[in-house]
Amino acid sequence: MDLQLNGKTALVTGAHRGTGHIIAHHLAAEGARVVLHGFTPEQAQAAVATLRDNATSAGTTVDVHPIAGDINTDAGAQSVLAALDADATMQPDILVNNYGTADRGNWDDANTEAWLDAYQKNVLSAQRLIRGLLPGMRQRDFGRIINLGTVGSTRPNAIMPHYYAAKGALATLTVGLAKEVAGTGIRVNLVSPGLILTPEVETAYLARGKAKGWGDTWEEVEPHVAKDIPIGRIVRREEVADLVCFLASPKADALHSQNIRIDGGALDIVS
């Protein structure tokens, strides 16, 4: 399927690592010009270099560019927006608010500062860029804003209450923004992954699996980890990236104000 992303420009926050980097890679492979955000110039430049090297090895090219700034602060977000404004060709049609963090804590030790920090990282980091880029999307009458949430925004655990509360706020922000841009060519959606297979997740569960006698390889351990997931496995980051790419495309014009769970159909995951 041609997602019709040629000629579109996308900004992916937190694209210097993890799921954000994979999302940027998939968008670039679909033909979009992709701006990879990192918190430092070194992070952003290294991420861009990796994508370019991978493309060269595969005999292809990608249109990718670095941008840096601490979007957890007003000044840092403004520096990102100013850099985009300085180049008319870099105005994002697509904003993927991938960045967010799940800092540890519980009801006993997560103090007010931790709660405010979670809100800065998981809500205001997105709000700052939305506010800055929305006027341009309105002017062009086209835009895709995709926020990365979690199934925990509607099904939180007891731990990390500050994180889940912040992601819940991001979910309501998404709905409110979708209503704000009703009647325009802008579409706003939330992607809510469940448990995703990351190197950290694999390492942790391999250690648990070995201790419980499940086996020593991921192929042996995964069925135990995914026993409550109907598809029988954990969602891959590449699948999240593919969903984001579709939502970013003109093909997804009918999808608006949605909270799309990508969790393998899990009802609950018991630790």
C-alpha atoms as a PDB file:
ATOM      1  CA  MET A   1       0.000   0.000   0.000  1.00  0.00           C
ATOM      2  CA  ASP A   2       1.282   3.439  -0.927  1.00  0.00           C
ATOM      3  CA  LEU A   3       0.772   5.590   2.175  1.00  0.00           C
ATOM      4  CA  GLN A   4       1.245   8.745   0.098  1.00  0.00           C
ATOM      5  CA  LEU A   5       3.850  10.210   2.446  1.00  0.00           C
ATOM      6  CA  ASN A   6       6.150  11.465  -0.298  1.00  0.00           C
ATOM      7  CA  GLY A   7       6.387  15.231   0.034  1.00  0.00           C
ATOM      8  CA  LYS A   8       5.254  15.178   3.662  1.00  0.00           C
ATOM      9  CA  THR A   9       7.479  16.291   6.531  1.00  0.00           C
ATOM     10  CA  ALA A  10       7.320  14.583   9.924  1.00  0.00           C
ATOM     11  CA  LEU A  11       8.789  15.545  13.286  1.00  0.00           C
ATOM     12  CA  VAL A  12       9.302  12.645  15.703  1.00  0.00           C
ATOM     13  CA  THR A  13      10.180  13.549  19.279  1.00  0.00           C
ATOM     14  CA  GLY A  14      12.544  11.317  21.204  1.00  0.00           C
ATOM     15  CA  ALA A  15      13.668   9.795  17.907  1.00  0.00           C
ATOM     16  CA  HIS A  16      17.252   9.382  19.087  1.00  0.00           C
ATOM     17  CA  ARG A  17      16.474   5.999  20.615  1.00  0.00           C
ATOM     18  CA  GLY A  18      13.972   3.196  21.103  1.00  0.00           C
ATOM     19  CA  THR A  19      10.501   3.219  19.611  1.00  0.00           C
ATOM     20  CA  GLY A  20      10.864   6.806  18.398  1.00  0.00           C
ATOM     21  CA  HIS A  21      13.895   5.867  16.323  1.00  0.00           C
ATOM     22  CA  ILE A  22      12.023   2.972  14.730  1.00  0.00           C
ATOM     23  CA  ILE A  23       9.016   5.210  13.989  1.00  0.00           C
ATOM     24  CA  ALA A  24      11.341   7.704  12.284  1.00  0.00           C
ATOM     25  CA  HIS A  25      12.943   4.903  10.284  1.00  0.00           C
ATOM     26  CA  HIS A  26       9.569   3.610   9.037  1.00  0.00           C
ATOM     27  CA  LEU A  27       8.309   7.085   8.130  1.00  0.00           C
ATOM     28  CA  ALA A  28      11.504   7.764   6.178  1.00  0.00           C
ATOM     29  CA  ALA A  29      11.215   4.404   4.414  1.00  0.00           C
ATOM     30  CA  GLU A  30       7.709   5.443   3.317  1.00  0.00           C
ATOM     31  CA  GLY A  31       9.178   8.505   1.628  1.00  0.00           C
ATOM     32  CA  ALA A  32       8.549  11.209   4.210  1.00  0.00           C
ATOM     33  CA  ARG A  33      11.118  13.840   5.098  1.00  0.00           C
ATOM     34  CA  VAL A  34      11.743  13.093   8.772  1.00  0.00           C
ATOM     35  CA  VAL A  35      13.140  15.394  11.433  1.00  0.00           C
ATOM     36  CA  LEU A  36      14.599  13.335  14.279  1.00  0.00           C
ATOM     37  CA  HIS A  37      14.476  15.046  17.647  1.00  0.00           C
ATOM     38  CA  GLY A  38      17.029  14.444  20.355  1.00  0.00           C
ATOM     39  CA  PHE A  39      17.701  16.305  23.571  1.00  0.00           C
ATOM     40  CA  THR A  40      21.261  17.114  22.516  1.00  0.00           C
ATOM     41  CA  PRO A  41      22.712  17.779  19.045  1.00  0.00           C
ATOM     42  CA  GLU A  42      24.912  14.715  19.457  1.00  0.00           C
ATOM     43  CA  GLN A  43      21.896  12.467  20.077  1.00  0.00           C
ATOM     44  CA  ALA A  44      19.996  13.798  17.070  1.00  0.00           C
ATOM     45  CA  GLN A  45      22.995  13.711  14.737  1.00  0.00           C
ATOM     46  CA  ALA A  46      23.885  10.147  15.739  1.00  0.00           C
ATOM     47  CA  ALA A  47      20.311   9.004  15.103  1.00  0.00           C
ATOM     48  CA  VAL A  48      20.315  10.595  11.659  1.00  0.00           C
ATOM     49  CA  ALA A  49      23.690   9.061  10.827  1.00  0.00           C
ATOM     50  CA  THR A  50      22.404   5.613  11.762  1.00  0.00           C
ATOM     51  CA  LEU A  51      19.379   5.886   9.474  1.00  0.00           C
ATOM     52  CA  ARG A  52      21.489   7.196   6.603  1.00  0.00           C
ATOM     53  CA  ASP A  53      24.059   4.424   7.035  1.00  0.00           C
ATOM     54  CA  ASN A  54      21.326   1.772   7.136  1.00  0.00           C
ATOM     55  CA  ALA A  55      19.756   3.174   3.988  1.00  0.00           C
ATOM     56  CA  THR A  56      23.110   3.245   2.202  1.00  0.00           C
ATOM     57  CA  SER A  57      23.746  -0.372   3.166  1.00  0.00           C
ATOM     58  CA  ALA A  58      20.350  -1.283   1.711  1.00  0.00           C
ATOM     59  CA  GLY A  59      21.050   0.635  -1.478  1.00  0.00           C
ATOM     60  CA  THR A  60      18.446   3.325  -0.792  1.00  0.00           C
ATOM     61  CA  THR A  61      18.366   6.892   0.467  1.00  0.00           C
ATOM     62  CA  VAL A  62      16.355   8.626   3.184  1.00  0.00           C
ATOM     63  CA  ASP A  63      15.539  12.286   3.742  1.00  0.00           C
ATOM     64  CA  VAL A  64      16.314  12.701   7.449  1.00  0.00           C
ATOM     65  CA  HIS A  65      17.452  15.680   9.503  1.00  0.00           C
ATOM     66  CA  PRO A  66      18.487  16.254  13.131  1.00  0.00           C
ATOM     67  CA  ILE A  67      16.984  18.729  15.577  1.00  0.00           C
ATOM     68  CA  ALA A  68      17.733  19.156  19.270  1.00  0.00           C
ATOM     69  CA  GLY A  69      16.187  20.763  22.326  1.00  0.00           C
ATOM     70  CA  ASP A  70      14.889  19.973  25.793  1.00  0.00           C
ATOM     71  CA  ILE A  71      11.151  19.906  25.123  1.00  0.00           C
ATOM     72  CA  ASN A  72      10.525  19.495  28.842  1.00  0.00           C
ATOM     73  CA  THR A  73      11.078  23.247  29.100  1.00  0.00           C
ATOM     74  CA  ASP A  74       9.524  26.225  27.324  1.00  0.00           C
ATOM     75  CA  ALA A  75      12.945  27.481  26.218  1.00  0.00           C
ATOM     76  CA  GLY A  76      13.981  24.117  24.809  1.00  0.00           C
ATOM     77  CA  ALA A  77      10.737  23.672  22.903  1.00  0.00           C
ATOM     78  CA  GLN A  78      11.027  27.186  21.517  1.00  0.00           C
ATOM     79  CA  SER A  79      14.515  26.405  20.243  1.00  0.00           C
ATOM     80  CA  VAL A  80      13.118  23.409  18.345  1.00  0.00           C
ATOM     81  CA  LEU A  81      10.285  25.484  16.883  1.00  0.00           C
ATOM     82  CA  ALA A  82      12.676  28.300  15.949  1.00  0.00           C
ATOM     83  CA  ALA A  83      14.944  25.872  14.109  1.00  0.00           C
ATOM     84  CA  LEU A  84      11.968  24.565  12.133  1.00  0.00           C
ATOM     85  CA  ASP A  85      10.787  28.102  11.360  1.00  0.00           C
ATOM     86  CA  ALA A  86      14.226  28.983  10.011  1.00  0.00           C
ATOM     87  CA  ASP A  87      13.753  26.587   7.077  1.00  0.00           C
ATOM     88  CA  ALA A  88      10.503  26.775   5.118  1.00  0.00           C
ATOM     89  CA  THR A  89      11.026  23.234   3.823  1.00  0.00           C
ATOM     90  CA  MET A  90      11.044  21.804   7.353  1.00  0.00           C
ATOM     91  CA  GLN A  91       7.522  22.729   8.454  1.00  0.00           C
ATOM     92  CA  PRO A  92       6.006  19.495   9.817  1.00  0.00           C
ATOM     93  CA  ASP A  93       2.816  18.152   8.296  1.00  0.00           C
ATOM     94  CA  ILE A  94       3.065  15.304  10.791  1.00  0.00           C
ATOM     95  CA  LEU A  95       3.884  15.579  14.485  1.00  0.00           C
ATOM     96  CA  VAL A  96       4.576  12.365  16.353  1.00  0.00           C
ATOM     97  CA  ASN A  97       4.764  13.081  20.074  1.00  0.00           C
ATOM     98  CA  ASN A  98       6.639   9.900  20.882  1.00  0.00           C
ATOM     99  CA  TYR A  99       8.728  11.226  23.758  1.00  0.00           C
ATOM    100  CA  GLY A 100       7.653  10.368  27.289  1.00  0.00           C
ATOM    101  CA  THR A 101       9.113   8.599  30.286  1.00  0.00           C
ATOM    102  CA  ALA A 102       7.841   6.130  32.841  1.00  0.00           C
ATOM    103  CA  ASP A 103       9.875   7.023  35.908  1.00  0.00           C
ATOM    104  CA  ARG A 104       9.643   4.600  38.793  1.00  0.00           C
ATOM    105  CA  GLY A 105       7.687   5.420  41.913  1.00  0.00           C
ATOM    106  CA  ASN A 106       4.673   4.441  43.970  1.00  0.00           C
ATOM    107  CA  TRP A 107       2.055   6.106  46.123  1.00  0.00           C
ATOM    108  CA  ASP A 108       4.420   6.237  49.087  1.00  0.00           C
ATOM    109  CA  ASP A 109       7.549   7.703  47.505  1.00  0.00           C
ATOM    110  CA  ALA A 110       6.343   9.693  44.451  1.00  0.00           C
ATOM    111  CA  ASN A 111       6.210  13.210  45.863  1.00  0.00           C
ATOM    112  CA  THR A 112       4.734  16.363  44.374  1.00  0.00           C
ATOM    113  CA  GLU A 113       7.923  17.054  42.415  1.00  0.00           C
ATOM    114  CA  ALA A 114       7.739  13.600  40.812  1.00  0.00           C
ATOM    115  CA  TRP A 115       4.116  14.168  39.789  1.00  0.00           C
ATOM    116  CA  LEU A 116       4.915  17.554  38.264  1.00  0.00           C
ATOM    117  CA  ASP A 117       7.923  16.076  36.473  1.00  0.00           C
ATOM    118  CA  ALA A 118       5.757  13.320  34.983  1.00  0.00           C
ATOM    119  CA  TYR A 119       3.335  15.963  33.695  1.00  0.00           C
ATOM    120  CA  GLN A 120       6.167  17.962  32.148  1.00  0.00           C
ATOM    121  CA  LYS A 121       7.572  14.926  30.369  1.00  0.00           C
ATOM    122  CA  ASN A 122       4.388  13.226  29.233  1.00  0.00           C
ATOM    123  CA  VAL A 123       1.951  16.093  28.644  1.00  0.00           C
ATOM    124  CA  LEU A 124       3.581  19.508  28.348  1.00  0.00           C
ATOM    125  CA  SER A 125       6.395  18.228  26.126  1.00  0.00           C
ATOM    126  CA  ALA A 126       3.687  17.406  23.577  1.00  0.00           C
ATOM    127  CA  GLN A 127       1.522  20.468  24.274  1.00  0.00           C
ATOM    128  CA  ARG A 128       4.392  22.883  23.632  1.00  0.00           C
ATOM    129  CA  LEU A 129       5.032  21.531  20.149  1.00  0.00           C
ATOM    130  CA  ILE A 130       1.353  21.192  19.300  1.00  0.00           C
ATOM    131  CA  ARG A 131       0.769  24.827  20.192  1.00  0.00           C
ATOM    132  CA  GLY A 132       3.726  25.919  18.093  1.00  0.00           C
ATOM    133  CA  LEU A 133       2.974  23.817  15.010  1.00  0.00           C
ATOM    134  CA  LEU A 134      -0.819  23.979  14.932  1.00  0.00           C
ATOM    135  CA  PRO A 135      -1.043  27.403  13.192  1.00  0.00           C
ATOM    136  CA  GLY A 136       0.993  26.134  10.236  1.00  0.00           C
ATOM    137  CA  MET A 137      -1.136  23.010   9.933  1.00  0.00           C
ATOM    138  CA  ARG A 138      -4.262  25.149   9.973  1.00  0.00           C
ATOM    139  CA  GLN A 139      -2.839  27.350   7.234  1.00  0.00           C
ATOM    140  CA  ARG A 140      -2.012  24.347   5.046  1.00  0.00           C
ATOM    141  CA  ASP A 141      -5.313  22.662   6.004  1.00  0.00           C
ATOM    142  CA  PHE A 142      -3.494  19.403   6.542  1.00  0.00           C
ATOM    143  CA  GLY A 143      -1.934  17.883   9.597  1.00  0.00           C
ATOM    144  CA  ARG A 144      -1.476  14.673  11.489  1.00  0.00           C
ATOM    145  CA  ILE A 145      -0.844  14.802  15.233  1.00  0.00           C
ATOM    146  CA  ILE A 146      -0.162  11.396  16.757  1.00  0.00           C
ATOM    147  CA  ASN A 147       0.437  11.143  20.481  1.00  0.00           C
ATOM    148  CA  LEU A 148       2.033   8.056  22.018  1.00  0.00           C
ATOM    149  CA  GLY A 149       0.225   6.947  25.140  1.00  0.00           C
ATOM    150  CA  THR A 150      -0.226   3.656  26.936  1.00  0.00           C
ATOM    151  CA  VAL A 151      -3.035   1.223  27.671  1.00  0.00           C
ATOM    152  CA  GLY A 152      -2.342   2.232  31.266  1.00  0.00           C
ATOM    153  CA  SER A 153      -4.094   5.559  30.702  1.00  0.00           C
ATOM    154  CA  THR A 154      -7.384   3.648  31.003  1.00  0.00           C
ATOM    155  CA  ARG A 155      -6.059   0.546  32.779  1.00  0.00           C
ATOM    156  CA  PRO A 156      -3.419   1.828  35.226  1.00  0.00           C
ATOM    157  CA  ASN A 157      -1.412  -0.278  37.597  1.00  0.00           C
ATOM    158  CA  ALA A 158      -0.972   0.551  41.266  1.00  0.00           C
ATOM    159  CA  ILE A 159       2.682   1.432  40.684  1.00  0.00           C
ATOM    160  CA  MET A 160       3.856   4.608  38.928  1.00  0.00           C
ATOM    161  CA  PRO A 161       0.624   6.529  39.619  1.00  0.00           C
ATOM    162  CA  HIS A 162       2.200   9.812  38.506  1.00  0.00           C
ATOM    163  CA  TYR A 163       3.089   8.323  35.113  1.00  0.00           C
ATOM    164  CA  TYR A 164      -0.331   6.826  34.454  1.00  0.00           C
ATOM    165  CA  ALA A 165      -2.085   9.984  35.577  1.00  0.00           C
ATOM    166  CA  ALA A 166       0.029  12.017  33.161  1.00  0.00           C
ATOM    167  CA  LYS A 167      -0.693   9.632  30.298  1.00  0.00           C
ATOM    168  CA  GLY A 168      -4.373   9.881  31.182  1.00  0.00           C
ATOM    169  CA  ALA A 169      -4.088  13.631  30.787  1.00  0.00           C
ATOM    170  CA  LEU A 170      -2.428  13.122  27.394  1.00  0.00           C
ATOM    171  CA  ALA A 171      -5.415  11.016  26.349  1.00  0.00           C
ATOM    172  CA  THR A 172      -7.890  13.746  27.279  1.00  0.00           C
ATOM    173  CA  LEU A 173      -5.638  16.345  25.628  1.00  0.00           C
ATOM    174  CA  THR A 174      -5.915  14.321  22.426  1.00  0.00           C
ATOM    175  CA  VAL A 175      -9.713  14.323  22.494  1.00  0.00           C
ATOM    176  CA  GLY A 176      -9.909  18.025  23.319  1.00  0.00           C
ATOM    177  CA  LEU A 177      -7.506  18.904  20.504  1.00  0.00           C
ATOM    178  CA  ALA A 178      -9.455  16.741  18.069  1.00  0.00           C
ATOM    179  CA  LYS A 179     -12.588  18.749  18.867  1.00  0.00           C
ATOM    180  CA  GLU A 180     -10.659  22.008  18.496  1.00  0.00           C
ATOM    181  CA  VAL A 181      -9.615  21.168  14.918  1.00  0.00           C
ATOM    182  CA  ALA A 182     -12.943  19.692  13.831  1.00  0.00           C
ATOM    183  CA  GLY A 183     -13.857  20.776  10.316  1.00  0.00           C
ATOM    184  CA  THR A 184     -10.240  21.133   9.204  1.00  0.00           C
ATOM    185  CA  GLY A 185      -7.823  18.821   7.410  1.00  0.00           C
ATOM    186  CA  ILE A 186      -6.037  18.039  10.678  1.00  0.00           C
ATOM    187  CA  ARG A 187      -6.437  14.620  12.290  1.00  0.00           C
ATOM    188  CA  VAL A 188      -5.491  13.881  15.891  1.00  0.00           C
ATOM    189  CA  ASN A 189      -5.144  10.408  17.400  1.00  0.00           C
ATOM    190  CA  LEU A 190      -3.564   8.567  20.315  1.00  0.00           C
ATOM    191  CA  VAL A 191      -1.661   5.294  19.957  1.00  0.00           C
ATOM    192  CA  SER A 192      -1.674   3.294  23.193  1.00  0.00           C
ATOM    193  CA  PRO A 193       0.723   0.341  23.273  1.00  0.00           C
ATOM    194  CA  GLY A 194       0.614  -2.357  25.878  1.00  0.00           C
ATOM    195  CA  LEU A 195       3.723  -4.320  26.753  1.00  0.00           C
ATOM    196  CA  ILE A 196       6.266  -3.841  23.938  1.00  0.00           C
ATOM    197  CA  LEU A 197       9.270  -6.015  23.236  1.00  0.00           C
ATOM    198  CA  THR A 198      12.254  -3.793  23.919  1.00  0.00           C
ATOM    199  CA  PRO A 199      15.796  -4.924  24.763  1.00  0.00           C
ATOM    200  CA  GLU A 200      15.117  -3.943  28.383  1.00  0.00           C
ATOM    201  CA  VAL A 201      11.882  -5.951  28.517  1.00  0.00           C
ATOM    202  CA  GLU A 202      13.522  -8.973  26.923  1.00  0.00           C
ATOM    203  CA  THR A 203      16.461  -8.880  29.323  1.00  0.00           C
ATOM    204  CA  ALA A 204      14.225  -8.558  32.374  1.00  0.00           C
ATOM    205  CA  TYR A 205      11.903 -11.379  31.375  1.00  0.00           C
ATOM    206  CA  LEU A 206      14.753 -13.660  30.347  1.00  0.00           C
ATOM    207  CA  ALA A 207      16.147 -13.293  33.854  1.00  0.00           C
ATOM    208  CA  ARG A 208      12.724 -13.988  35.353  1.00  0.00           C
ATOM    209  CA  GLY A 209      12.185 -16.916  32.998  1.00  0.00           C
ATOM    210  CA  LYS A 210      15.474 -18.500  33.943  1.00  0.00           C
ATOM    211  CA  ALA A 211      14.639 -18.120  37.638  1.00  0.00           C
ATOM    212  CA  LYS A 212      11.199 -19.688  37.128  1.00  0.00           C
ATOM    213  CA  GLY A 213      12.470 -22.512  34.942  1.00  0.00           C
ATOM    214  CA  TRP A 214      10.712 -21.361  31.782  1.00  0.00           C
ATOM    215  CA  GLY A 215      13.845 -21.695  29.674  1.00  0.00           C
ATOM    216  CA  ASP A 216      16.883 -19.746  28.563  1.00  0.00           C
ATOM    217  CA  THR A 217      15.769 -18.354  25.190  1.00  0.00           C
ATOM    218  CA  TRP A 218      13.182 -15.752  24.299  1.00  0.00           C
ATOM    219  CA  GLU A 219      11.306 -18.334  22.222  1.00  0.00           C
ATOM    220  CA  GLU A 220      10.901 -20.421  25.373  1.00  0.00           C
ATOM    221  CA  VAL A 221      10.111 -17.550  27.729  1.00  0.00           C
ATOM    222  CA  GLU A 222       7.753 -15.423  25.634  1.00  0.00           C
ATOM    223  CA  PRO A 223       4.733 -17.786  25.773  1.00  0.00           C
ATOM    224  CA  HIS A 224       4.829 -17.549  29.572  1.00  0.00           C
ATOM    225  CA  VAL A 225       5.125 -13.767  29.528  1.00  0.00           C
ATOM    226  CA  ALA A 226       2.294 -13.498  26.993  1.00  0.00           C
ATOM    227  CA  LYS A 227      -0.048 -16.028  28.581  1.00  0.00           C
ATOM    228  CA  ASP A 228      -2.746 -13.355  29.028  1.00  0.00           C
ATOM    229  CA  ILE A 229      -2.276 -11.861  25.546  1.00  0.00           C
ATOM    230  CA  PRO A 230      -4.674 -13.405  23.019  1.00  0.00           C
ATOM    231  CA  ILE A 231      -2.215 -13.251  20.103  1.00  0.00           C
ATOM    232  CA  GLY A 232       0.266 -15.249  22.197  1.00  0.00           C
ATOM    233  CA  ARG A 233       3.173 -12.844  22.018  1.00  0.00           C
ATOM    234  CA  ILE A 234       4.291  -9.328  22.907  1.00  0.00           C
ATOM    235  CA  VAL A 235       3.784  -6.476  20.461  1.00  0.00           C
ATOM    236  CA  ARG A 236       6.897  -5.487  18.517  1.00  0.00           C
ATOM    237  CA  ARG A 237       8.025  -1.872  18.236  1.00  0.00           C
ATOM    238  CA  GLU A 238       7.954  -2.182  14.458  1.00  0.00           C
ATOM    239  CA  GLU A 239       4.213  -2.853  14.656  1.00  0.00           C
ATOM    240  CA  VAL A 240       3.712   0.339  16.637  1.00  0.00           C
ATOM    241  CA  ALA A 241       5.719   2.201  13.994  1.00  0.00           C
ATOM    242  CA  ASP A 242       3.604   0.755  11.181  1.00  0.00           C
ATOM    243  CA  LEU A 243       0.426   1.902  12.920  1.00  0.00           C
ATOM    244  CA  VAL A 244       1.856   5.398  13.353  1.00  0.00           C
ATOM    245  CA  CYS A 245       2.794   5.508   9.662  1.00  0.00           C
ATOM    246  CA  PHE A 246      -0.754   4.622   8.647  1.00  0.00           C
ATOM    247  CA  LEU A 247      -2.256   7.238  10.949  1.00  0.00           C
ATOM    248  CA  ALA A 248       0.159   9.792   9.505  1.00  0.00           C
ATOM    249  CA  SER A 249      -1.021   9.152   5.985  1.00  0.00           C
ATOM    250  CA  PRO A 250      -3.891  10.595   3.954  1.00  0.00           C
ATOM    251  CA  LYS A 251      -5.249   7.024   3.907  1.00  0.00           C
ATOM    252  CA  ALA A 252      -6.252   7.468   7.569  1.00  0.00           C
ATOM    253  CA  ASP A 253      -8.415  10.534   6.965  1.00  0.00           C
ATOM    254  CA  ALA A 254     -11.440   8.897   8.624  1.00  0.00           C
ATOM    255  CA  LEU A 255      -9.573   8.220  11.856  1.00  0.00           C
ATOM    256  CA  HIS A 256      -9.884  11.133  14.262  1.00  0.00           C
ATOM    257  CA  SER A 257     -10.017  11.489  18.052  1.00  0.00           C
ATOM    258  CA  GLN A 258      -9.275   7.797  18.516  1.00  0.00           C
ATOM    259  CA  ASN A 259      -7.397   6.035  21.309  1.00  0.00           C
ATOM    260  CA  ILE A 260      -6.059   3.023  19.433  1.00  0.00           C
ATOM    261  CA  ARG A 261      -4.788   0.244  21.660  1.00  0.00           C
ATOM    262  CA  ILE A 262      -2.070  -1.963  20.253  1.00  0.00           C
ATOM    263  CA  ASP A 263      -1.639  -4.634  22.898  1.00  0.00           C
ATOM    264  CA  GLY A 264      -2.424  -7.930  21.211  1.00  0.00           C
ATOM    265  CA  GLY A 265      -5.960  -7.877  22.604  1.00  0.00           C
ATOM    266  CA  ALA A 266      -4.773  -8.176  26.197  1.00  0.00           C
ATOM    267  CA  LEU A 267      -7.423  -7.824  28.872  1.00  0.00           C
ATOM    268  CA  ASP A 268      -4.829  -7.644  31.620  1.00  0.00           C
ATOM    269  CA  ILE A 269      -1.252  -8.648  32.131  1.00  0.00           C
ATOM    270  CA  VAL A 270      -0.387 -10.225  35.445  1.00  0.00           C
ATOM    271  CA  SER A 271       3.192  -9.606  36.544  1.00  0.00           C
END
